[in-house]
Amino acid sequence: IPGIPNMSTVQSFGRKKTATAVAQVKAGKGMIKVNGIPLANVVPELLRAKLFEPITILGAEKFANVDIRVRVSGGGNVAQIYAIRQAISRGLVAYYGKHVDEVSKQEIKGQARCLRLHRALIR
């Protein structure tokens, strides 16, 4: 039904300065897009590694069964990259907590804490 959100979708947000990113996480095939562009093609290239931090730290297998669509606006390039990273991290934690199980959620949060990810990413 158009206009009614899918019940298996989790929405999360990330902010840095005046940049705001909203991530929608749902079951899927591992696709991650930012404003309709695949994550691997996001510019600027120098900051692209920051976007892949949640994936490399938590492992690609955690992202293999979810699709993440991120919309970002406001702020500069650096602030947008950090907001996107935060939205993706929070969205994955929320998705696992709501649709998988609490143990998996705590495992993800534990991995992120062990690797000393910024605390705001995994709240």
PDB file of N, CA and C in Angstrom:
ATOM      1  N   ILE A   1       0.860  -1.173   0.000  1.00  0.00           N
ATOM      2  CA  ILE A   1       0.000   0.000   0.000  1.00  0.00           C
ATOM      3  C   ILE A   1       0.906   1.235   0.000  1.00  0.00           C
ATOM      4  N   PRO A   2       0.735   2.123  -0.977  1.00  0.00           N
ATOM      5  CA  PRO A   2       1.576   3.311  -1.029  1.00  0.00           C
ATOM      6  C   PRO A   2       1.340   4.226   0.168  1.00  0.00           C
ATOM      7  N   GLY A   3       2.423   4.837   0.643  1.00  0.00           N
ATOM      8  CA  GLY A   3       2.309   5.785   1.746  1.00  0.00           C
ATOM      9  C   GLY A   3       2.411   5.162   3.121  1.00  0.00           C
ATOM     10  N   ILE A   4       2.274   3.841   3.210  1.00  0.00           N
ATOM     11  CA  ILE A   4       2.385   3.161   4.501  1.00  0.00           C
ATOM     12  C   ILE A   4       3.755   2.487   4.549  1.00  0.00           C
ATOM     13  N   PRO A   5       4.574   2.796   5.557  1.00  0.00           N
ATOM     14  CA  PRO A   5       5.912   2.211   5.608  1.00  0.00           C
ATOM     15  C   PRO A   5       5.867   0.710   5.833  1.00  0.00           C
ATOM     16  N   ASN A   6       6.848   0.031   5.259  1.00  0.00           N
ATOM     17  CA  ASN A   6       6.981  -1.408   5.416  1.00  0.00           C
ATOM     18  C   ASN A   6       7.305  -1.717   6.882  1.00  0.00           C
ATOM     19  N   MET A   7       6.649  -2.697   7.459  1.00  0.00           N
ATOM     20  CA  MET A   7       6.829  -3.006   8.872  1.00  0.00           C
ATOM     21  C   MET A   7       8.203  -3.616   9.151  1.00  0.00           C
ATOM     22  N   SER A   8       8.880  -4.132   8.123  1.00  0.00           N
ATOM     23  CA  SER A   8      10.193  -4.718   8.354  1.00  0.00           C
ATOM     24  C   SER A   8      11.312  -3.714   8.092  1.00  0.00           C
ATOM     25  N   THR A   9      10.979  -2.439   8.059  1.00  0.00           N
ATOM     26  CA  THR A   9      11.956  -1.385   7.827  1.00  0.00           C
ATOM     27  C   THR A   9      12.260  -0.662   9.129  1.00  0.00           C
ATOM     28  N   VAL A  10      13.532  -0.333   9.318  1.00  0.00           N
ATOM     29  CA  VAL A  10      13.963   0.451  10.466  1.00  0.00           C
ATOM     30  C   VAL A  10      14.559   1.743   9.930  1.00  0.00           C
ATOM     31  N   GLN A  11      14.196   2.840  10.555  1.00  0.00           N
ATOM     32  CA  GLN A  11      14.709   4.135  10.137  1.00  0.00           C
ATOM     33  C   GLN A  11      15.573   4.704  11.255  1.00  0.00           C
ATOM     34  N   SER A  12      16.745   5.205  10.884  1.00  0.00           N
ATOM     35  CA  SER A  12      17.636   5.798  11.876  1.00  0.00           C
ATOM     36  C   SER A  12      18.261   7.050  11.279  1.00  0.00           C
ATOM     37  N   PHE A  13      18.855   7.852  12.123  1.00  0.00           N
ATOM     38  CA  PHE A  13      19.459   9.077  11.614  1.00  0.00           C
ATOM     39  C   PHE A  13      20.825   9.285  12.230  1.00  0.00           C
ATOM     40  N   GLY A  14      21.608  10.081  11.532  1.00  0.00           N
ATOM     41  CA  GLY A  14      22.918  10.470  12.021  1.00  0.00           C
ATOM     42  C   GLY A  14      23.087  11.950  11.765  1.00  0.00           C
ATOM     43  N   ARG A  15      23.763  12.623  12.670  1.00  0.00           N
ATOM     44  CA  ARG A  15      23.978  14.061  12.515  1.00  0.00           C
ATOM     45  C   ARG A  15      25.423  14.420  12.808  1.00  0.00           C
ATOM     46  N   LYS A  16      25.908  15.402  12.100  1.00  0.00           N
ATOM     47  CA  LYS A  16      27.208  16.002  12.363  1.00  0.00           C
ATOM     48  C   LYS A  16      27.103  17.454  11.926  1.00  0.00           C
ATOM     49  N   LYS A  17      27.299  18.348  12.877  1.00  0.00           N
ATOM     50  CA  LYS A  17      27.138  19.785  12.642  1.00  0.00           C
ATOM     51  C   LYS A  17      25.759  20.035  12.048  1.00  0.00           C
ATOM     52  N   THR A  18      25.668  20.540  10.808  1.00  0.00           N
ATOM     53  CA  THR A  18      24.348  20.801  10.219  1.00  0.00           C
ATOM     54  C   THR A  18      23.938  19.742   9.204  1.00  0.00           C
ATOM     55  N   ALA A  19      24.754  18.703   9.019  1.00  0.00           N
ATOM     56  CA  ALA A  19      24.417  17.620   8.093  1.00  0.00           C
ATOM     57  C   ALA A  19      23.537  16.597   8.796  1.00  0.00           C
ATOM     58  N   THR A  20      22.510  16.132   8.101  1.00  0.00           N
ATOM     59  CA  THR A  20      21.614  15.115   8.639  1.00  0.00           C
ATOM     60  C   THR A  20      21.467  13.995   7.615  1.00  0.00           C
ATOM     61  N   ALA A  21      21.648  12.767   8.065  1.00  0.00           N
ATOM     62  CA  ALA A  21      21.480  11.594   7.210  1.00  0.00           C
ATOM     63  C   ALA A  21      20.411  10.702   7.822  1.00  0.00           C
ATOM     64  N   VAL A  22      19.495  10.236   6.987  1.00  0.00           N
ATOM     65  CA  VAL A  22      18.444   9.326   7.428  1.00  0.00           C
ATOM     66  C   VAL A  22      18.623   8.018   6.666  1.00  0.00           C
ATOM     67  N   ALA A  23      18.776   6.922   7.397  1.00  0.00           N
ATOM     68  CA  ALA A  23      18.984   5.608   6.789  1.00  0.00           C
ATOM     69  C   ALA A  23      17.747   4.744   6.984  1.00  0.00           C
ATOM     70  N   GLN A  24      17.328   4.089   5.913  1.00  0.00           N
ATOM     71  CA  GLN A  24      16.251   3.103   5.986  1.00  0.00           C
ATOM     72  C   GLN A  24      16.882   1.737   5.762  1.00  0.00           C
ATOM     73  N   VAL A  25      16.749   0.867   6.747  1.00  0.00           N
ATOM     74  CA  VAL A  25      17.343  -0.465   6.691  1.00  0.00           C
ATOM     75  C   VAL A  25      16.215  -1.475   6.578  1.00  0.00           C
ATOM     76  N   LYS A  26      16.325  -2.359   5.589  1.00  0.00           N
ATOM     77  CA  LYS A  26      15.309  -3.401   5.410  1.00  0.00           C
ATOM     78  C   LYS A  26      15.981  -4.667   4.913  1.00  0.00           C
ATOM     79  N   ALA A  27      15.279  -5.769   4.978  1.00  0.00           N
ATOM     80  CA  ALA A  27      15.812  -7.035   4.495  1.00  0.00           C
ATOM     81  C   ALA A  27      16.089  -6.917   3.006  1.00  0.00           C
ATOM     82  N   GLY A  28      17.193  -7.495   2.571  1.00  0.00           N
ATOM     83  CA  GLY A  28      17.545  -7.389   1.160  1.00  0.00           C
ATOM     84  C   GLY A  28      18.776  -8.188   0.800  1.00  0.00           C
ATOM     85  N   LYS A  29      19.546  -7.637  -0.141  1.00  0.00           N
ATOM     86  CA  LYS A  29      20.678  -8.365  -0.723  1.00  0.00           C
ATOM     87  C   LYS A  29      22.027  -7.707  -0.453  1.00  0.00           C
ATOM     88  N   GLY A  30      22.096  -6.769   0.464  1.00  0.00           N
ATOM     89  CA  GLY A  30      23.372  -6.152   0.790  1.00  0.00           C
ATOM     90  C   GLY A  30      23.666  -4.865   0.044  1.00  0.00           C
ATOM     91  N   MET A  31      22.652  -4.243  -0.520  1.00  0.00           N
ATOM     92  CA  MET A  31      22.838  -3.018  -1.273  1.00  0.00           C
ATOM     93  C   MET A  31      22.837  -1.815  -0.325  1.00  0.00           C
ATOM     94  N   ILE A  32      23.819  -0.934  -0.482  1.00  0.00           N
ATOM     95  CA  ILE A  32      23.873   0.292   0.308  1.00  0.00           C
ATOM     96  C   ILE A  32      23.990   1.461  -0.665  1.00  0.00           C
ATOM     97  N   LYS A  33      23.025   2.368  -0.612  1.00  0.00           N
ATOM     98  CA  LYS A  33      23.022   3.529  -1.508  1.00  0.00           C
ATOM     99  C   LYS A  33      22.871   4.808  -0.704  1.00  0.00           C
ATOM    100  N   VAL A  34      23.556   5.851  -1.160  1.00  0.00           N
ATOM    101  CA  VAL A  34      23.488   7.170  -0.549  1.00  0.00           C
ATOM    102  C   VAL A  34      22.960   8.131  -1.602  1.00  0.00           C
ATOM    103  N   ASN A  35      21.796   8.703  -1.354  1.00  0.00           N
ATOM    104  CA  ASN A  35      21.135   9.585  -2.322  1.00  0.00           C
ATOM    105  C   ASN A  35      21.046   8.928  -3.702  1.00  0.00           C
ATOM    106  N   GLY A  36      20.789   7.624  -3.728  1.00  0.00           N
ATOM    107  CA  GLY A  36      20.629   6.889  -4.982  1.00  0.00           C
ATOM    108  C   GLY A  36      21.926   6.433  -5.618  1.00  0.00           C
ATOM    109  N   ILE A  37      23.068   6.724  -5.011  1.00  0.00           N
ATOM    110  CA  ILE A  37      24.377   6.362  -5.557  1.00  0.00           C
ATOM    111  C   ILE A  37      24.960   5.236  -4.706  1.00  0.00           C
ATOM    112  N   PRO A  38      25.497   4.172  -5.334  1.00  0.00           N
ATOM    113  CA  PRO A  38      26.119   3.098  -4.547  1.00  0.00           C
ATOM    114  C   PRO A  38      27.247   3.640  -3.664  1.00  0.00           C
ATOM    115  N   LEU A  39      27.432   3.023  -2.520  1.00  0.00           N
ATOM    116  CA  LEU A  39      28.410   3.489  -1.541  1.00  0.00           C
ATOM    117  C   LEU A  39      29.822   3.588  -2.135  1.00  0.00           C
ATOM    118  N   ALA A  40      30.159   2.685  -3.039  1.00  0.00           N
ATOM    119  CA  ALA A  40      31.501   2.680  -3.631  1.00  0.00           C
ATOM    120  C   ALA A  40      31.748   3.870  -4.559  1.00  0.00           C
ATOM    121  N   ASN A  41      30.706   4.580  -4.945  1.00  0.00           N
ATOM    122  CA  ASN A  41      30.854   5.707  -5.876  1.00  0.00           C
ATOM    123  C   ASN A  41      30.658   7.063  -5.222  1.00  0.00           C
ATOM    124  N   VAL A  42      30.527   7.097  -3.915  1.00  0.00           N
ATOM    125  CA  VAL A  42      30.297   8.357  -3.215  1.00  0.00           C
ATOM    126  C   VAL A  42      31.556   9.221  -3.290  1.00  0.00           C
ATOM    127  N   VAL A  43      31.365  10.508  -3.529  1.00  0.00           N
ATOM    128  CA  VAL A  43      32.484  11.449  -3.545  1.00  0.00           C
ATOM    129  C   VAL A  43      32.432  12.289  -2.291  1.00  0.00           C
ATOM    130  N   PRO A  44      33.506  12.812  -1.786  1.00  0.00           N
ATOM    131  CA  PRO A  44      34.884  12.743  -2.284  1.00  0.00           C
ATOM    132  C   PRO A  44      35.539  11.396  -1.987  1.00  0.00           C
ATOM    133  N   GLU A  45      36.416  10.984  -2.891  1.00  0.00           N
ATOM    134  CA  GLU A  45      37.067   9.679  -2.779  1.00  0.00           C
ATOM    135  C   GLU A  45      37.922   9.551  -1.522  1.00  0.00           C
ATOM    136  N   LEU A  46      38.560  10.639  -1.121  1.00  0.00           N
ATOM    137  CA  LEU A  46      39.453  10.587   0.036  1.00  0.00           C
ATOM    138  C   LEU A  46      38.727  10.212   1.316  1.00  0.00           C
ATOM    139  N   LEU A  47      37.449  10.536   1.409  1.00  0.00           N
ATOM    140  CA  LEU A  47      36.678  10.248   2.617  1.00  0.00           C
ATOM    141  C   LEU A  47      35.864   8.960   2.508  1.00  0.00           C
ATOM    142  N   ARG A  48      35.947   8.294   1.368  1.00  0.00           N
ATOM    143  CA  ARG A  48      35.154   7.084   1.160  1.00  0.00           C
ATOM    144  C   ARG A  48      35.497   5.993   2.173  1.00  0.00           C
ATOM    145  N   ALA A  49      36.739   5.930   2.585  1.00  0.00           N
ATOM    146  CA  ALA A  49      37.151   4.910   3.560  1.00  0.00           C
ATOM    147  C   ALA A  49      36.378   5.062   4.869  1.00  0.00           C
ATOM    148  N   LYS A  50      36.032   6.274   5.246  1.00  0.00           N
ATOM    149  CA  LYS A  50      35.244   6.511   6.457  1.00  0.00           C
ATOM    150  C   LYS A  50      33.862   5.869   6.347  1.00  0.00           C
ATOM    151  N   LEU A  51      33.289   5.876   5.143  1.00  0.00           N
ATOM    152  CA  LEU A  51      31.967   5.272   4.954  1.00  0.00           C
ATOM    153  C   LEU A  51      32.012   3.756   5.113  1.00  0.00           C
ATOM    154  N   PHE A  52      33.151   3.169   4.767  1.00  0.00           N
ATOM    155  CA  PHE A  52      33.267   1.712   4.835  1.00  0.00           C
ATOM    156  C   PHE A  52      33.692   1.206   6.211  1.00  0.00           C
ATOM    157  N   GLU A  53      33.962   2.108   7.157  1.00  0.00           N
ATOM    158  CA  GLU A  53      34.370   1.681   8.501  1.00  0.00           C
ATOM    159  C   GLU A  53      33.378   0.738   9.174  1.00  0.00           C
ATOM    160  N   PRO A  54      32.078   1.058   9.204  1.00  0.00           N
ATOM    161  CA  PRO A  54      31.150   0.112   9.853  1.00  0.00           C
ATOM    162  C   PRO A  54      31.162  -1.267   9.193  1.00  0.00           C
ATOM    163  N   ILE A  55      31.335  -1.298   7.877  1.00  0.00           N
ATOM    164  CA  ILE A  55      31.329  -2.573   7.146  1.00  0.00           C
ATOM    165  C   ILE A  55      32.589  -3.371   7.448  1.00  0.00           C
ATOM    166  N   THR A  56      33.730  -2.709   7.440  1.00  0.00           N
ATOM    167  CA  THR A  56      34.983  -3.435   7.694  1.00  0.00           C
ATOM    168  C   THR A  56      35.101  -3.858   9.152  1.00  0.00           C
ATOM    169  N   ILE A  57      34.631  -3.042  10.071  1.00  0.00           N
ATOM    170  CA  ILE A  57      34.750  -3.377  11.497  1.00  0.00           C
ATOM    171  C   ILE A  57      33.775  -4.480  11.900  1.00  0.00           C
ATOM    172  N   LEU A  58      32.540  -4.368  11.463  1.00  0.00           N
ATOM    173  CA  LEU A  58      31.531  -5.354  11.865  1.00  0.00           C
ATOM    174  C   LEU A  58      31.529  -6.583  10.970  1.00  0.00           C
ATOM    175  N   GLY A  59      32.095  -6.479   9.789  1.00  0.00           N
ATOM    176  CA  GLY A  59      32.133  -7.602   8.864  1.00  0.00           C
ATOM    177  C   GLY A  59      31.043  -7.494   7.820  1.00  0.00           C
ATOM    178  N   ALA A  60      31.402  -7.797   6.593  1.00  0.00           N
ATOM    179  CA  ALA A  60      30.463  -7.686   5.475  1.00  0.00           C
ATOM    180  C   ALA A  60      29.276  -8.639   5.617  1.00  0.00           C
ATOM    181  N   GLU A  61      29.462  -9.741   6.352  1.00  0.00           N
ATOM    182  CA  GLU A  61      28.362 -10.709   6.494  1.00  0.00           C
ATOM    183  C   GLU A  61      27.177 -10.128   7.258  1.00  0.00           C
ATOM    184  N   LYS A  62      27.425  -9.147   8.129  1.00  0.00           N
ATOM    185  CA  LYS A  62      26.327  -8.503   8.857  1.00  0.00           C
ATOM    186  C   LYS A  62      25.466  -7.650   7.912  1.00  0.00           C
ATOM    187  N   PHE A  63      26.067  -7.175   6.834  1.00  0.00           N
ATOM    188  CA  PHE A  63      25.370  -6.309   5.888  1.00  0.00           C
ATOM    189  C   PHE A  63      24.822  -7.082   4.693  1.00  0.00           C
ATOM    190  N   ALA A  64      25.138  -8.374   4.596  1.00  0.00           N
ATOM    191  CA  ALA A  64      24.789  -9.159   3.412  1.00  0.00           C
ATOM    192  C   ALA A  64      23.284  -9.355   3.243  1.00  0.00           C
ATOM    193  N   ASN A  65      22.535  -9.344   4.337  1.00  0.00           N
ATOM    194  CA  ASN A  65      21.100  -9.630   4.226  1.00  0.00           C
ATOM    195  C   ASN A  65      20.230  -8.395   4.445  1.00  0.00           C
ATOM    196  N   VAL A  66      20.820  -7.199   4.352  1.00  0.00           N
ATOM    197  CA  VAL A  66      20.038  -5.970   4.506  1.00  0.00           C
ATOM    198  C   VAL A  66      20.345  -5.004   3.367  1.00  0.00           C
ATOM    199  N   ASP A  67      19.358  -4.224   2.998  1.00  0.00           N
ATOM    200  CA  ASP A  67      19.530  -3.112   2.072  1.00  0.00           C
ATOM    201  C   ASP A  67      19.426  -1.839   2.882  1.00  0.00           C
ATOM    202  N   ILE A  68      20.322  -0.904   2.618  1.00  0.00           N
ATOM    203  CA  ILE A  68      20.329   0.365   3.343  1.00  0.00           C
ATOM    204  C   ILE A  68      20.261   1.497   2.325  1.00  0.00           C
ATOM    205  N   ARG A  69      19.275   2.354   2.512  1.00  0.00           N
ATOM    206  CA  ARG A  69      19.118   3.531   1.661  1.00  0.00           C
ATOM    207  C   ARG A  69      19.271   4.759   2.541  1.00  0.00           C
ATOM    208  N   VAL A  70      20.223   5.621   2.193  1.00  0.00           N
ATOM    209  CA  VAL A  70      20.520   6.781   3.018  1.00  0.00           C
ATOM    210  C   VAL A  70      20.228   8.054   2.224  1.00  0.00           C
ATOM    211  N   ARG A  71      19.570   8.991   2.868  1.00  0.00           N
ATOM    212  CA  ARG A  71      19.350  10.336   2.320  1.00  0.00           C
ATOM    213  C   ARG A  71      20.095  11.307   3.206  1.00  0.00           C
ATOM    214  N   VAL A  72      20.922  12.160   2.618  1.00  0.00           N
ATOM    215  CA  VAL A  72      21.709  13.100   3.403  1.00  0.00           C
ATOM    216  C   VAL A  72      21.548  14.500   2.825  1.00  0.00           C
ATOM    217  N   SER A  73      21.510  15.473   3.721  1.00  0.00           N
ATOM    218  CA  SER A  73      21.401  16.862   3.277  1.00  0.00           C
ATOM    219  C   SER A  73      22.060  17.766   4.302  1.00  0.00           C
ATOM    220  N   GLY A  74      22.404  18.968   3.873  1.00  0.00           N
ATOM    221  CA  GLY A  74      22.989  19.973   4.755  1.00  0.00           C
ATOM    222  C   GLY A  74      24.461  19.730   5.010  1.00  0.00           C
ATOM    223  N   GLY A  75      25.129  20.740   5.519  1.00  0.00           N
ATOM    224  CA  GLY A  75      26.527  20.619   5.903  1.00  0.00           C
ATOM    225  C   GLY A  75      27.470  20.496   4.727  1.00  0.00           C
ATOM    226  N   GLY A  76      28.733  20.304   5.032  1.00  0.00           N
ATOM    227  CA  GLY A  76      29.766  20.129   4.015  1.00  0.00           C
ATOM    228  C   GLY A  76      30.039  18.666   3.761  1.00  0.00           C
ATOM    229  N   ASN A  77      31.044  18.404   2.927  1.00  0.00           N
ATOM    230  CA  ASN A  77      31.365  17.026   2.559  1.00  0.00           C
ATOM    231  C   ASN A  77      31.755  16.173   3.758  1.00  0.00           C
ATOM    232  N   VAL A  78      32.625  16.676   4.595  1.00  0.00           N
ATOM    233  CA  VAL A  78      33.107  15.896   5.744  1.00  0.00           C
ATOM    234  C   VAL A  78      31.969  15.625   6.716  1.00  0.00           C
ATOM    235  N   ALA A  79      31.181  16.634   7.023  1.00  0.00           N
ATOM    236  CA  ALA A  79      30.063  16.455   7.948  1.00  0.00           C
ATOM    237  C   ALA A  79      29.059  15.450   7.388  1.00  0.00           C
ATOM    238  N   GLN A  80      28.804  15.486   6.094  1.00  0.00           N
ATOM    239  CA  GLN A  80      27.876  14.532   5.487  1.00  0.00           C
ATOM    240  C   GLN A  80      28.405  13.101   5.593  1.00  0.00           C
ATOM    241  N   ILE A  81      29.698  12.910   5.356  1.00  0.00           N
ATOM    242  CA  ILE A  81      30.289  11.571   5.438  1.00  0.00           C
ATOM    243  C   ILE A  81      30.129  11.012   6.854  1.00  0.00           C
ATOM    244  N   TYR A  82      30.415  11.826   7.860  1.00  0.00           N
ATOM    245  CA  TYR A  82      30.296  11.367   9.243  1.00  0.00           C
ATOM    246  C   TYR A  82      28.831  11.107   9.614  1.00  0.00           C
ATOM    247  N   ALA A  83      27.912  11.906   9.111  1.00  0.00           N
ATOM    248  CA  ALA A  83      26.491  11.690   9.382  1.00  0.00           C
ATOM    249  C   ALA A  83      26.010  10.389   8.735  1.00  0.00           C
ATOM    250  N   ILE A  84      26.465  10.123   7.522  1.00  0.00           N
ATOM    251  CA  ILE A  84      26.099   8.879   6.821  1.00  0.00           C
ATOM    252  C   ILE A  84      26.610   7.672   7.593  1.00  0.00           C
ATOM    253  N   ARG A  85      27.853   7.734   8.010  1.00  0.00           N
ATOM    254  CA  ARG A  85      28.474   6.641   8.761  1.00  0.00           C
ATOM    255  C   ARG A  85      27.700   6.355  10.042  1.00  0.00           C
ATOM    256  N   GLN A  86      27.307   7.406  10.731  1.00  0.00           N
ATOM    257  CA  GLN A  86      26.555   7.245  11.975  1.00  0.00           C
ATOM    258  C   GLN A  86      25.173   6.653  11.702  1.00  0.00           C
ATOM    259  N   ALA A  87      24.497   7.118  10.655  1.00  0.00           N
ATOM    260  CA  ALA A  87      23.160   6.608  10.326  1.00  0.00           C
ATOM    261  C   ALA A  87      23.208   5.128   9.955  1.00  0.00           C
ATOM    262  N   ILE A  88      24.219   4.725   9.192  1.00  0.00           N
ATOM    263  CA  ILE A  88      24.356   3.320   8.798  1.00  0.00           C
ATOM    264  C   ILE A  88      24.594   2.453  10.034  1.00  0.00           C
ATOM    265  N   SER A  89      25.477   2.886  10.909  1.00  0.00           N
ATOM    266  CA  SER A  89      25.792   2.102  12.114  1.00  0.00           C
ATOM    267  C   SER A  89      24.586   1.961  13.026  1.00  0.00           C
ATOM    268  N   ARG A  90      23.926   3.067  13.284  1.00  0.00           N
ATOM    269  CA  ARG A  90      22.742   3.023  14.153  1.00  0.00           C
ATOM    270  C   ARG A  90      21.619   2.204  13.524  1.00  0.00           C
ATOM    271  N   GLY A  91      21.464   2.338  12.214  1.00  0.00           N
ATOM    272  CA  GLY A  91      20.414   1.593  11.522  1.00  0.00           C
ATOM    273  C   GLY A  91      20.610   0.092  11.610  1.00  0.00           C
ATOM    274  N   LEU A  92      21.854  -0.356  11.459  1.00  0.00           N
ATOM    275  CA  LEU A  92      22.129  -1.791  11.542  1.00  0.00           C
ATOM    276  C   LEU A  92      21.860  -2.324  12.944  1.00  0.00           C
ATOM    277  N   VAL A  93      22.282  -1.577  13.956  1.00  0.00           N
ATOM    278  CA  VAL A  93      22.034  -1.993  15.342  1.00  0.00           C
ATOM    279  C   VAL A  93      20.526  -2.067  15.608  1.00  0.00           C
ATOM    280  N   ALA A  94      19.788  -1.064  15.144  1.00  0.00           N
ATOM    281  CA  ALA A  94      18.335  -1.045  15.352  1.00  0.00           C
ATOM    282  C   ALA A  94      17.650  -2.188  14.595  1.00  0.00           C
ATOM    283  N   TYR A  95      18.099  -2.474  13.373  1.00  0.00           N
ATOM    284  CA  TYR A  95      17.500  -3.550  12.579  1.00  0.00           C
ATOM    285  C   TYR A  95      17.709  -4.897  13.265  1.00  0.00           C
ATOM    286  N   TYR A  96      18.937  -5.157  13.704  1.00  0.00           N
ATOM    287  CA  TYR A  96      19.209  -6.435  14.372  1.00  0.00           C
ATOM    288  C   TYR A  96      18.443  -6.551  15.676  1.00  0.00           C
ATOM    289  N   GLY A  97      18.281  -5.442  16.375  1.00  0.00           N
ATOM    290  CA  GLY A  97      17.525  -5.477  17.621  1.00  0.00           C
ATOM    291  C   GLY A  97      16.049  -5.728  17.420  1.00  0.00           C
ATOM    292  N   LYS A  98      15.502  -5.226  16.311  1.00  0.00           N
ATOM    293  CA  LYS A  98      14.064  -5.327  16.079  1.00  0.00           C
ATOM    294  C   LYS A  98      13.669  -6.578  15.293  1.00  0.00           C
ATOM    295  N   HIS A  99      14.471  -6.953  14.297  1.00  0.00           N
ATOM    296  CA  HIS A  99      14.051  -8.017  13.380  1.00  0.00           C
ATOM    297  C   HIS A  99      14.859  -9.307  13.461  1.00  0.00           C
ATOM    298  N   VAL A 100      16.019  -9.277  14.089  1.00  0.00           N
ATOM    299  CA  VAL A 100      16.802 -10.510  14.189  1.00  0.00           C
ATOM    300  C   VAL A 100      16.677 -11.025  15.614  1.00  0.00           C
ATOM    301  N   ASP A 101      17.541 -10.594  16.516  1.00  0.00           N
ATOM    302  CA  ASP A 101      17.391 -10.919  17.929  1.00  0.00           C
ATOM    303  C   ASP A 101      18.301 -10.020  18.760  1.00  0.00           C
ATOM    304  N   GLU A 102      18.005  -9.976  20.037  1.00  0.00           N
ATOM    305  CA  GLU A 102      18.735  -9.092  20.948  1.00  0.00           C
ATOM    306  C   GLU A 102      20.190  -9.522  21.100  1.00  0.00           C
ATOM    307  N   VAL A 103      20.450 -10.815  21.010  1.00  0.00           N
ATOM    308  CA  VAL A 103      21.815 -11.312  21.147  1.00  0.00           C
ATOM    309  C   VAL A 103      22.687 -10.781  20.012  1.00  0.00           C
ATOM    310  N   SER A 104      22.157 -10.821  18.792  1.00  0.00           N
ATOM    311  CA  SER A 104      22.903 -10.301  17.638  1.00  0.00           C
ATOM    312  C   SER A 104      23.150  -8.810  17.779  1.00  0.00           C
ATOM    313  N   LYS A 105      22.172  -8.099  18.270  1.00  0.00           N
ATOM    314  CA  LYS A 105      22.315  -6.659  18.479  1.00  0.00           C
ATOM    315  C   LYS A 105      23.440  -6.381  19.474  1.00  0.00           C
ATOM    316  N   GLN A 106      23.431  -7.086  20.586  1.00  0.00           N
ATOM    317  CA  GLN A 106      24.470  -6.885  21.592  1.00  0.00           C
ATOM    318  C   GLN A 106      25.851  -7.295  21.070  1.00  0.00           C
ATOM    319  N   GLU A 107      25.878  -8.313  20.223  1.00  0.00           N
ATOM    320  CA  GLU A 107      27.134  -8.750  19.618  1.00  0.00           C
ATOM    321  C   GLU A 107      27.718  -7.645  18.731  1.00  0.00           C
ATOM    322  N   ILE A 108      26.864  -7.016  17.940  1.00  0.00           N
ATOM    323  CA  ILE A 108      27.307  -5.919  17.066  1.00  0.00           C
ATOM    324  C   ILE A 108      27.809  -4.755  17.903  1.00  0.00           C
ATOM    325  N   LYS A 109      27.054  -4.412  18.926  1.00  0.00           N
ATOM    326  CA  LYS A 109      27.474  -3.299  19.788  1.00  0.00           C
ATOM    327  C   LYS A 109      28.789  -3.633  20.483  1.00  0.00           C
ATOM    328  N   GLY A 110      28.957  -4.878  20.894  1.00  0.00           N
ATOM    329  CA  GLY A 110      30.188  -5.301  21.555  1.00  0.00           C
ATOM    330  C   GLY A 110      31.389  -5.243  20.628  1.00  0.00           C
ATOM    331  N   GLN A 111      31.214  -5.699  19.390  1.00  0.00           N
ATOM    332  CA  GLN A 111      32.299  -5.632  18.409  1.00  0.00           C
ATOM    333  C   GLN A 111      32.726  -4.194  18.184  1.00  0.00           C
ATOM    334  N   ALA A 112      31.757  -3.326  18.046  1.00  0.00           N
ATOM    335  CA  ALA A 112      32.062  -1.927  17.788  1.00  0.00           C
ATOM    336  C   ALA A 112      32.774  -1.307  18.984  1.00  0.00           C
ATOM    337  N   ARG A 113      32.374  -1.666  20.175  1.00  0.00           N
ATOM    338  CA  ARG A 113      33.026  -1.113  21.376  1.00  0.00           C
ATOM    339  C   ARG A 113      34.444  -1.655  21.534  1.00  0.00           C
ATOM    340  N   CYS A 114      34.619  -2.935  21.243  1.00  0.00           N
ATOM    341  CA  CYS A 114      35.957  -3.526  21.365  1.00  0.00           C
ATOM    342  C   CYS A 114      36.943  -2.842  20.429  1.00  0.00           C
ATOM    343  N   LEU A 115      36.473  -2.446  19.291  1.00  0.00           N
ATOM    344  CA  LEU A 115      37.344  -1.792  18.314  1.00  0.00           C
ATOM    345  C   LEU A 115      37.374  -0.283  18.487  1.00  0.00           C
ATOM    346  N   ARG A 116      36.759   0.186  19.565  1.00  0.00           N
ATOM    347  CA  ARG A 116      36.783   1.598  19.948  1.00  0.00           C
ATOM    348  C   ARG A 116      36.221   2.522  18.882  1.00  0.00           C
ATOM    349  N   LEU A 117      35.142   2.099  18.274  1.00  0.00           N
ATOM    350  CA  LEU A 117      34.409   2.984  17.388  1.00  0.00           C
ATOM    351  C   LEU A 117      33.876   4.146  18.216  1.00  0.00           C
ATOM    352  N   HIS A 118      33.674   5.235  17.596  1.00  0.00           N
ATOM    353  CA  HIS A 118      33.153   6.391  18.307  1.00  0.00           C
ATOM    354  C   HIS A 118      31.836   6.024  18.977  1.00  0.00           C
ATOM    355  N   ARG A 119      31.683   6.348  20.239  1.00  0.00           N
ATOM    356  CA  ARG A 119      30.530   5.950  21.038  1.00  0.00           C
ATOM    357  C   ARG A 119      29.197   6.376  20.422  1.00  0.00           C
ATOM    358  N   ALA A 120      29.175   7.527  19.786  1.00  0.00           N
ATOM    359  CA  ALA A 120      27.932   8.037  19.216  1.00  0.00           C
ATOM    360  C   ALA A 120      27.429   7.169  18.065  1.00  0.00           C
ATOM    361  N   LEU A 121      28.304   6.382  17.443  1.00  0.00           N
ATOM    362  CA  LEU A 121      27.882   5.559  16.310  1.00  0.00           C
ATOM    363  C   LEU A 121      26.949   4.426  16.713  1.00  0.00           C
ATOM    364  N   ILE A 122      27.089   3.932  17.933  1.00  0.00           N
ATOM    365  CA  ILE A 122      26.392   2.686  18.267  1.00  0.00           C
ATOM    366  C   ILE A 122      25.364   2.839  19.372  1.00  0.00           C
ATOM    367  N   ARG A 123      25.051   4.016  19.774  1.00  0.00           N
ATOM    368  CA  ARG A 123      24.100   4.248  20.860  1.00  0.00           C
ATOM    369  C   ARG A 123      22.922   3.364  20.871  1.00  0.00           C
TER     370      ARG A 123
END
